[in-house]
Amino acid sequence: MVSENNPPQTSEGAPGNGAPGGGEALTAEELQARLEEAERERSQYKAIAQRAQADLVNYRQRVERERQDQHLAMVERTISKLLPIVDDLQLALKHAGEGRGTEGNGVDAAWVEGIRMIERRLLSLLESEGVTPIAAEGKAFDPWQHEALFSVDDASKEPGTVVMVIRQGYKVQDRVLRAVQVAISQAGQQDTAQQRQPQAKEAGTTEEREDTNG
């Protein structure tokens, strides 16, 4: 039996001025502060996620660069071993002569064509790996790509022009695999003497003026 002095409690909690469930009501300032704190936390988590994403992108790029460098190094090692073979084939073709048969220098034309076919296949293999010959003849000497073995007198060319390729050079993409061995032009002795004559004549004229003034 329920006593009149003790009324029953409802499920909504004891009577009072608080929020439902017994909690205290928040003021507008407190709500604003909590919202600002939540926004700060959200910004922090977003910044952390962005840094992590940037680190992941940088890591993937670094791994890709390392993979490419390793592949390029392996290609360079392999191609460096093939280049002497290409040199020997080209030297053999040079001595055999272009298009000569048994009546020329005693070299079988079929044998020459077979050597030329091997050379073409090797050059095609090099090209498939990004290896290309370095242009040299007729160009200005470039110490990064050319290796000068000697110089020749050639008045028809500017001094320092490549006039002969001794041994072909190659590059992989933009990296020099082997420099071209070349001969370069220089001013001839006759040209040098002709350049000195006007200078000597001018010097003599100056001396004559000085003697006259004296």
Protein backbone atom coordinates (compact mmCIF):
# COMPACT_ATOMS: atom_id res chain seq x y z
CA MET A 1 0.00 0.00 0.00
CA VAL A 2 1.32 3.33 -0.97
CA SER A 3 1.68 5.83 1.75
CA GLU A 4 0.26 9.26 1.19
CA ASN A 5 3.41 10.82 2.64
CA ASN A 6 5.70 9.02 0.11
CA PRO A 7 4.55 9.56 -3.46
CA PRO A 8 5.93 7.10 -6.04
CA GLN A 9 9.05 8.03 -8.13
CA THR A 10 8.61 8.27 -11.90
CA SER A 11 11.07 6.86 -14.47
CA GLU A 12 12.05 10.38 -15.47
CA GLY A 13 13.95 10.89 -12.25
CA ALA A 14 13.45 12.94 -9.17
CA PRO A 15 11.66 16.22 -9.47
CA GLY A 16 13.94 19.18 -9.98
CA ASN A 17 15.01 21.99 -12.24
CA GLY A 18 17.81 20.02 -14.03
CA ALA A 19 17.85 18.50 -17.48
CA PRO A 20 16.09 15.22 -18.21
CA GLY A 21 17.91 12.29 -16.67
CA GLY A 22 19.30 14.37 -13.87
CA GLY A 23 21.90 16.26 -15.96
CA GLU A 24 22.55 19.95 -15.71
CA ALA A 25 21.43 22.24 -18.50
CA LEU A 26 24.29 23.90 -20.58
CA THR A 27 24.37 27.55 -21.27
CA ALA A 28 24.84 28.97 -24.76
CA GLU A 29 28.43 29.96 -23.92
CA GLU A 30 29.27 26.42 -22.79
CA LEU A 31 27.75 24.93 -25.94
CA GLN A 32 29.76 27.36 -28.07
CA ALA A 33 32.96 26.44 -26.23
CA ARG A 34 32.32 22.74 -26.74
CA LEU A 35 31.63 23.29 -30.43
CA GLU A 36 34.88 25.25 -30.83
CA GLU A 37 36.82 22.49 -29.04
CA ALA A 38 35.29 19.87 -31.32
CA GLU A 39 36.21 21.99 -34.36
CA ARG A 40 39.81 22.28 -33.14
CA GLU A 41 40.04 18.53 -32.68
CA ARG A 42 38.57 17.98 -36.13
CA SER A 43 41.16 20.35 -37.65
CA GLN A 44 43.98 18.54 -35.83
CA TYR A 45 42.82 15.13 -37.02
CA LYS A 46 42.46 16.48 -40.57
CA ALA A 47 46.00 17.89 -40.51
CA ILE A 48 47.35 14.56 -39.22
CA ALA A 49 45.53 12.70 -42.00
CA GLN A 50 46.87 15.10 -44.64
CA ARG A 51 50.45 14.72 -43.37
CA ALA A 52 50.09 10.95 -43.39
CA GLN A 53 48.75 11.04 -46.93
CA ALA A 54 51.61 13.32 -48.06
CA ASP A 55 54.15 11.01 -46.41
CA LEU A 56 52.62 8.04 -48.21
CA VAL A 57 52.79 9.83 -51.58
CA ASN A 58 56.43 10.82 -50.97
CA TYR A 59 57.27 7.26 -49.96
CA ARG A 60 55.72 5.84 -53.12
CA GLN A 61 57.58 8.37 -55.27
CA ARG A 62 60.87 7.58 -53.54
CA VAL A 63 60.35 3.85 -54.02
CA GLU A 64 59.55 4.41 -57.70
CA ARG A 65 62.68 6.52 -58.19
CA GLU A 66 64.81 3.90 -56.48
CA ARG A 67 63.26 1.20 -58.65
CA GLN A 68 63.98 3.19 -61.80
CA ASP A 69 67.56 3.91 -60.69
CA GLN A 70 68.16 0.23 -59.98
CA HIS A 71 66.74 -0.72 -63.38
CA LEU A 72 68.88 1.92 -65.10
CA ALA A 73 72.00 0.76 -63.28
CA MET A 74 71.32 -2.82 -64.33
CA VAL A 75 70.80 -1.71 -67.94
CA GLU A 76 74.05 0.27 -67.87
CA ARG A 77 76.02 -2.71 -66.57
CA THR A 78 74.56 -5.02 -69.21
CA ILE A 79 74.93 -2.57 -72.09
CA SER A 80 78.52 -1.76 -71.10
CA LYS A 81 79.36 -5.42 -71.67
CA LEU A 82 77.69 -5.40 -75.10
CA LEU A 83 79.33 -2.23 -76.43
CA PRO A 84 82.75 -3.84 -77.13
CA ILE A 85 80.95 -6.46 -79.25
CA VAL A 86 79.23 -3.69 -81.21
CA ASP A 87 82.61 -1.99 -81.66
CA ASP A 88 84.15 -5.19 -83.03
CA LEU A 89 81.28 -5.71 -85.47
CA GLN A 90 81.48 -2.13 -86.73
CA LEU A 91 85.26 -2.39 -87.07
CA ALA A 92 84.88 -5.62 -89.06
CA LEU A 93 82.34 -3.98 -91.37
CA LYS A 94 84.61 -0.98 -91.82
CA HIS A 95 87.52 -3.15 -92.91
CA ALA A 96 85.32 -5.35 -95.08
CA GLY A 97 84.15 -2.33 -97.05
CA GLU A 98 80.67 -1.19 -97.95
CA GLY A 99 79.09 -3.41 -100.62
CA ARG A 100 82.31 -5.15 -101.69
CA GLY A 101 82.23 -8.75 -102.82
CA THR A 102 84.83 -11.41 -103.43
CA GLU A 103 86.30 -9.43 -106.35
CA GLY A 104 87.09 -6.46 -104.11
CA ASN A 105 89.07 -7.40 -101.03
CA GLY A 106 88.42 -11.12 -100.81
CA VAL A 107 85.54 -10.80 -98.31
CA ASP A 108 82.40 -12.79 -99.02
CA ALA A 109 79.41 -10.47 -99.48
CA ALA A 110 77.12 -12.93 -97.67
CA TRP A 111 79.45 -12.93 -94.68
CA VAL A 112 79.44 -9.12 -94.62
CA GLU A 113 75.65 -9.06 -94.78
CA GLY A 114 75.45 -11.53 -91.89
CA ILE A 115 77.72 -9.34 -89.76
CA ARG A 116 75.64 -6.30 -90.68
CA MET A 117 72.45 -8.11 -89.65
CA ILE A 118 73.94 -8.94 -86.25
CA GLU A 119 74.96 -5.31 -85.83
CA ARG A 120 71.43 -4.11 -86.65
CA ARG A 121 69.90 -6.51 -84.14
CA LEU A 122 72.27 -5.40 -81.41
CA LEU A 123 71.59 -1.74 -82.13
CA SER A 124 67.85 -2.47 -82.08
CA LEU A 125 68.27 -4.16 -78.71
CA LEU A 126 70.15 -1.14 -77.37
CA GLU A 127 67.46 1.20 -78.66
CA SER A 128 64.73 -0.85 -76.96
CA GLU A 129 66.50 -0.23 -73.65
CA GLY A 130 66.66 3.52 -74.25
CA VAL A 131 70.28 3.52 -75.48
CA THR A 132 71.00 5.90 -78.37
CA PRO A 133 74.22 6.94 -80.16
CA ILE A 134 75.62 10.35 -79.28
CA ALA A 135 75.78 12.71 -82.24
CA ALA A 136 79.27 14.11 -82.67
CA GLU A 137 80.61 14.68 -86.19
CA GLY A 138 80.23 18.27 -87.34
CA LYS A 139 79.21 19.47 -83.88
CA ALA A 140 81.10 21.66 -81.44
CA PHE A 141 83.22 19.75 -78.96
CA ASP A 142 81.28 18.97 -75.77
CA PRO A 143 83.48 17.73 -72.90
CA TRP A 144 80.45 16.11 -71.25
CA GLN A 145 79.80 13.85 -74.24
CA HIS A 146 83.00 13.88 -76.33
CA GLU A 147 86.52 12.67 -75.59
CA ALA A 148 89.12 14.35 -77.82
CA LEU A 149 92.01 12.03 -78.75
CA PHE A 150 93.84 14.38 -81.10
CA SER A 151 93.36 17.49 -83.25
CA VAL A 152 93.84 18.07 -86.97
CA ASP A 153 94.44 21.17 -89.08
CA ASP A 154 91.24 22.00 -90.92
CA ALA A 155 90.78 25.56 -92.15
CA SER A 156 87.25 24.78 -93.38
CA LYS A 157 85.97 24.13 -89.84
CA GLU A 158 85.75 26.30 -86.77
CA PRO A 159 88.37 25.39 -84.16
CA GLY A 160 86.97 22.86 -81.73
CA THR A 161 84.63 21.22 -84.24
CA VAL A 162 84.42 17.43 -84.27
CA VAL A 163 85.77 16.29 -87.65
CA MET A 164 86.10 12.55 -87.05
CA VAL A 165 84.56 9.89 -84.80
CA ILE A 166 87.11 7.35 -83.62
CA ARG A 167 84.78 5.31 -81.42
CA GLN A 168 81.04 5.79 -81.14
CA GLY A 169 79.59 6.79 -77.78
CA TYR A 170 76.16 6.11 -76.32
CA LYS A 171 73.79 7.50 -73.72
CA VAL A 172 70.90 6.06 -71.73
CA GLN A 173 68.09 8.59 -71.61
CA ASP A 174 69.97 11.74 -70.54
CA ARG A 175 72.94 9.97 -68.92
CA VAL A 176 76.16 9.43 -70.86
CA LEU A 177 76.98 5.74 -70.88
CA ARG A 178 80.21 6.11 -72.85
CA ALA A 179 81.68 9.28 -74.33
CA VAL A 180 82.45 9.53 -78.04
CA GLN A 181 86.14 9.40 -78.90
CA VAL A 182 86.71 12.08 -81.51
CA ALA A 183 89.23 14.20 -83.39
CA ILE A 184 88.67 17.96 -83.39
CA SER A 185 89.75 20.72 -85.72
CA GLN A 186 92.30 23.38 -84.91
CA ALA A 187 93.60 26.45 -86.72
CA GLY A 188 96.26 25.51 -89.26
CA GLN A 189 99.82 26.80 -89.08
CA GLN A 190 99.31 28.84 -92.25
CA ASP A 191 96.20 30.50 -90.77
CA THR A 192 98.10 31.25 -87.59
CA ALA A 193 100.93 32.85 -89.56
CA GLN A 194 98.47 34.94 -91.54
CA GLN A 195 96.89 36.12 -88.30
CA ARG A 196 100.30 37.12 -86.95
CA GLN A 197 101.31 39.15 -90.01
CA PRO A 198 98.76 41.99 -89.53
CA GLN A 199 99.69 42.14 -85.86
CA ALA A 200 103.41 42.39 -86.67
CA LYS A 201 102.73 45.01 -89.34
CA GLU A 202 100.66 47.07 -86.92
CA ALA A 203 103.38 46.82 -84.28
CA GLY A 204 106.00 48.02 -86.81
CA THR A 205 103.84 50.98 -87.77
CA THR A 206 103.50 51.96 -84.11
CA GLU A 207 107.28 51.85 -83.64
CA GLU A 208 107.79 54.05 -86.71
CA ARG A 209 105.36 56.64 -85.29
CA GLU A 210 107.21 56.66 -81.99
CA ASP A 211 110.58 57.17 -83.74
CA THR A 212 109.12 60.03 -85.82
CA ASN A 213 107.65 61.73 -82.76
CA GLY A 214 110.90 61.31 -80.88
